[in-house]
N, C-alpha and C. Protein backbone atom coordinates (compact mmCIF):
# COMPACT_ATOMS: atom_id res chain seq x y z
N MET A 1 96.01 181.88 283.19
CA MET A 1 95.98 183.33 283.29
C MET A 1 94.56 183.87 283.20
N LEU A 2 93.77 183.32 282.30
CA LEU A 2 92.40 183.81 282.12
C LEU A 2 91.61 183.66 283.41
N GLU A 3 91.73 182.51 284.06
CA GLU A 3 90.95 182.27 285.27
C GLU A 3 91.30 183.22 286.41
N SER A 4 92.57 183.51 286.60
CA SER A 4 92.97 184.36 287.71
C SER A 4 92.92 185.85 287.38
N SER A 5 93.18 186.21 286.13
CA SER A 5 93.26 187.63 285.78
C SER A 5 91.98 188.21 285.19
N TYR A 6 91.19 187.38 284.51
CA TYR A 6 89.99 187.87 283.84
C TYR A 6 88.81 186.94 284.12
N PRO A 7 88.43 186.76 285.40
CA PRO A 7 87.38 185.79 285.72
C PRO A 7 86.01 186.15 285.13
N GLN A 8 85.76 187.42 284.85
CA GLN A 8 84.47 187.81 284.29
C GLN A 8 84.24 187.19 282.92
N PHE A 9 85.30 187.00 282.15
CA PHE A 9 85.17 186.44 280.81
C PHE A 9 84.98 184.93 280.85
N LEU A 10 85.46 184.31 281.90
CA LEU A 10 85.38 182.85 282.02
C LEU A 10 84.02 182.41 282.58
N ARG A 11 83.55 183.11 283.61
CA ARG A 11 82.26 182.79 284.23
C ARG A 11 81.46 184.08 284.33
N TYR A 12 80.57 184.26 283.38
CA TYR A 12 79.83 185.52 283.36
C TYR A 12 78.35 185.30 283.65
N ARG A 13 77.76 186.35 284.23
CA ARG A 13 76.33 186.37 284.52
C ARG A 13 75.57 186.93 283.33
N SER A 14 76.16 187.96 282.70
CA SER A 14 75.51 188.54 281.52
C SER A 14 76.57 189.04 280.54
N LEU A 15 76.17 189.07 279.28
CA LEU A 15 77.05 189.50 278.20
C LEU A 15 76.23 190.35 277.25
N GLU A 16 76.69 191.55 277.00
CA GLU A 16 76.01 192.44 276.06
C GLU A 16 76.96 192.74 274.91
N ILE A 17 76.52 192.42 273.71
CA ILE A 17 77.32 192.68 272.52
C ILE A 17 76.91 194.02 271.96
N GLY A 18 77.88 194.91 271.81
CA GLY A 18 77.60 196.25 271.33
C GLY A 18 77.84 196.39 269.84
N GLU A 19 78.24 197.58 269.46
CA GLU A 19 78.45 197.92 268.06
C GLU A 19 79.60 197.12 267.46
N ALA A 20 79.41 196.71 266.21
CA ALA A 20 80.46 196.04 265.45
C ALA A 20 80.81 196.92 264.26
N ARG A 21 82.11 197.06 264.00
CA ARG A 21 82.58 197.85 262.86
C ARG A 21 83.58 197.01 262.09
N SER A 22 83.56 197.14 260.77
CA SER A 22 84.50 196.37 259.96
C SER A 22 85.26 197.28 259.02
N ASP A 23 86.35 196.74 258.48
CA ASP A 23 87.07 197.48 257.46
C ASP A 23 86.28 197.37 256.15
N ALA A 24 86.73 198.04 255.13
CA ALA A 24 85.99 198.10 253.86
C ALA A 24 85.79 196.73 253.22
N ARG A 25 86.71 195.81 253.43
CA ARG A 25 86.61 194.47 252.84
C ARG A 25 86.02 193.44 253.79
N ALA A 26 85.63 193.87 254.99
CA ALA A 26 85.04 193.00 256.02
C ALA A 26 85.96 191.84 256.38
N ARG A 27 87.26 192.09 256.38
CA ARG A 27 88.22 191.06 256.81
C ARG A 27 88.57 191.21 258.28
N ARG A 28 88.43 192.40 258.80
CA ARG A 28 88.66 192.66 260.23
C ARG A 28 87.43 193.32 260.81
N VAL A 29 87.02 192.85 261.96
CA VAL A 29 85.82 193.37 262.62
C VAL A 29 86.17 193.67 264.07
N MET A 30 85.73 194.83 264.56
CA MET A 30 85.86 195.19 265.97
C MET A 30 84.48 195.14 266.59
N VAL A 31 84.38 194.43 267.73
CA VAL A 31 83.10 194.29 268.42
C VAL A 31 83.30 194.68 269.88
N SER A 32 82.45 195.59 270.36
CA SER A 32 82.52 195.97 271.77
C SER A 32 81.58 195.07 272.57
N VAL A 33 82.03 194.68 273.77
CA VAL A 33 81.22 193.83 274.64
C VAL A 33 81.28 194.37 276.07
N THR A 34 80.21 194.14 276.81
CA THR A 34 80.16 194.43 278.23
C THR A 34 79.83 193.13 278.93
N VAL A 35 80.68 192.73 279.87
CA VAL A 35 80.53 191.46 280.56
C VAL A 35 80.38 191.71 282.05
N THR A 36 79.37 191.07 282.66
CA THR A 36 79.23 191.09 284.11
C THR A 36 79.50 189.68 284.61
N GLY A 37 80.51 189.56 285.45
CA GLY A 37 80.90 188.26 285.96
C GLY A 37 80.00 187.78 287.06
N GLU A 38 80.14 186.51 287.42
CA GLU A 38 79.39 185.96 288.55
C GLU A 38 79.71 186.70 289.84
N ASP A 39 80.88 187.36 289.87
CA ASP A 39 81.28 188.13 291.05
C ASP A 39 80.63 189.51 291.10
N GLY A 40 79.82 189.85 290.07
CA GLY A 40 79.13 191.13 290.03
C GLY A 40 79.94 192.25 289.43
N VAL A 41 81.18 192.01 289.07
CA VAL A 41 82.04 193.03 288.47
C VAL A 41 81.75 193.12 286.97
N THR A 42 81.53 194.34 286.48
CA THR A 42 81.26 194.58 285.07
C THR A 42 82.49 195.17 284.41
N VAL A 43 82.88 194.60 283.28
CA VAL A 43 84.03 195.09 282.53
C VAL A 43 83.64 195.26 281.06
N GLN A 44 84.36 196.14 280.39
CA GLN A 44 84.14 196.36 278.96
C GLN A 44 85.39 195.96 278.20
N ALA A 45 85.17 195.44 277.01
CA ALA A 45 86.30 195.03 276.18
C ALA A 45 85.93 195.20 274.71
N THR A 46 86.95 195.23 273.88
CA THR A 46 86.76 195.28 272.44
C THR A 46 87.51 194.10 271.83
N TYR A 47 86.78 193.30 271.08
CA TYR A 47 87.37 192.15 270.39
C TYR A 47 87.72 192.54 268.97
N LEU A 48 88.91 192.18 268.53
CA LEU A 48 89.32 192.37 267.15
C LEU A 48 89.32 190.99 266.50
N LEU A 49 88.45 190.80 265.51
CA LEU A 49 88.33 189.52 264.81
C LEU A 49 88.92 189.66 263.42
N ILE A 50 89.52 188.60 262.93
CA ILE A 50 90.09 188.60 261.58
C ILE A 50 89.55 187.38 260.84
N LYS A 51 89.25 187.57 259.57
CA LYS A 51 88.69 186.48 258.77
C LYS A 51 89.82 185.71 258.09
N GLU A 52 89.86 184.40 258.33
CA GLU A 52 90.85 183.51 257.73
C GLU A 52 90.14 182.26 257.24
N ASP A 53 90.37 181.88 256.02
CA ASP A 53 89.76 180.69 255.44
C ASP A 53 88.24 180.69 255.60
N GLY A 54 87.64 181.86 255.44
CA GLY A 54 86.19 181.98 255.49
C GLY A 54 85.59 182.01 256.88
N LYS A 55 86.41 181.97 257.93
CA LYS A 55 85.92 181.99 259.31
C LYS A 55 86.62 183.09 260.08
N PHE A 56 85.90 183.63 261.07
CA PHE A 56 86.50 184.65 261.93
C PHE A 56 87.15 184.00 263.14
N ARG A 57 88.29 184.55 263.55
CA ARG A 57 88.95 184.13 264.79
C ARG A 57 89.32 185.39 265.57
N VAL A 58 89.47 185.26 266.86
CA VAL A 58 89.86 186.39 267.70
C VAL A 58 91.34 186.65 267.49
N GLU A 59 91.64 187.87 267.06
CA GLU A 59 93.04 188.26 266.89
C GLU A 59 93.58 188.88 268.18
N SER A 60 92.75 189.70 268.84
CA SER A 60 93.17 190.29 270.10
C SER A 60 91.96 190.84 270.84
N VAL A 61 92.18 191.12 272.12
CA VAL A 61 91.14 191.68 272.99
C VAL A 61 91.76 192.85 273.73
N PHE A 62 91.05 193.96 273.75
CA PHE A 62 91.51 195.15 274.46
C PHE A 62 90.52 195.43 275.59
N GLY A 63 91.03 195.80 276.74
CA GLY A 63 90.16 196.14 277.86
C GLY A 63 90.08 195.03 278.86
N GLY A 64 88.96 194.97 279.55
CA GLY A 64 88.84 194.00 280.63
C GLY A 64 89.49 194.56 281.88
N GLN A 65 89.69 193.71 282.84
CA GLN A 65 90.28 194.14 284.10
C GLN A 65 91.35 193.14 284.46
N PHE A 66 92.52 193.58 284.75
CA PHE A 66 93.62 192.68 285.09
C PHE A 66 93.88 192.77 286.58
N GLY A 67 93.92 191.63 287.24
CA GLY A 67 94.23 191.60 288.66
C GLY A 67 93.06 192.01 289.53
N GLU A 68 93.33 192.31 290.77
CA GLU A 68 92.31 192.70 291.72
C GLU A 68 91.92 194.16 291.52
N PRO A 69 90.64 194.51 291.82
CA PRO A 69 90.24 195.92 291.70
C PRO A 69 91.17 196.81 292.53
N GLY A 70 91.62 197.87 291.95
CA GLY A 70 92.51 198.80 292.61
C GLY A 70 93.99 198.45 292.52
N GLU A 71 94.28 197.23 292.03
CA GLU A 71 95.67 196.80 291.90
C GLU A 71 96.26 197.37 290.62
N VAL A 72 97.47 197.82 290.67
CA VAL A 72 98.15 198.31 289.49
C VAL A 72 98.95 197.17 288.88
N ALA A 73 98.64 196.86 287.61
CA ALA A 73 99.32 195.74 286.96
C ALA A 73 100.58 196.21 286.28
């Protein structure tokens, strides 16, 4: 699914990490990113990270582009 629906995240030309915000206990962190794929398409997303056993893992990702430009998913 990642390869066909979100190719910019799999093969990117550039990645810009934006603002990061955390909850009061720093157990959850939201990070905004801007990704430009090898295809020249730029997409924005927000990663939600959660701390487990002293390490952060991706809990979810919001944004990006699903399917072909102009296609309604």
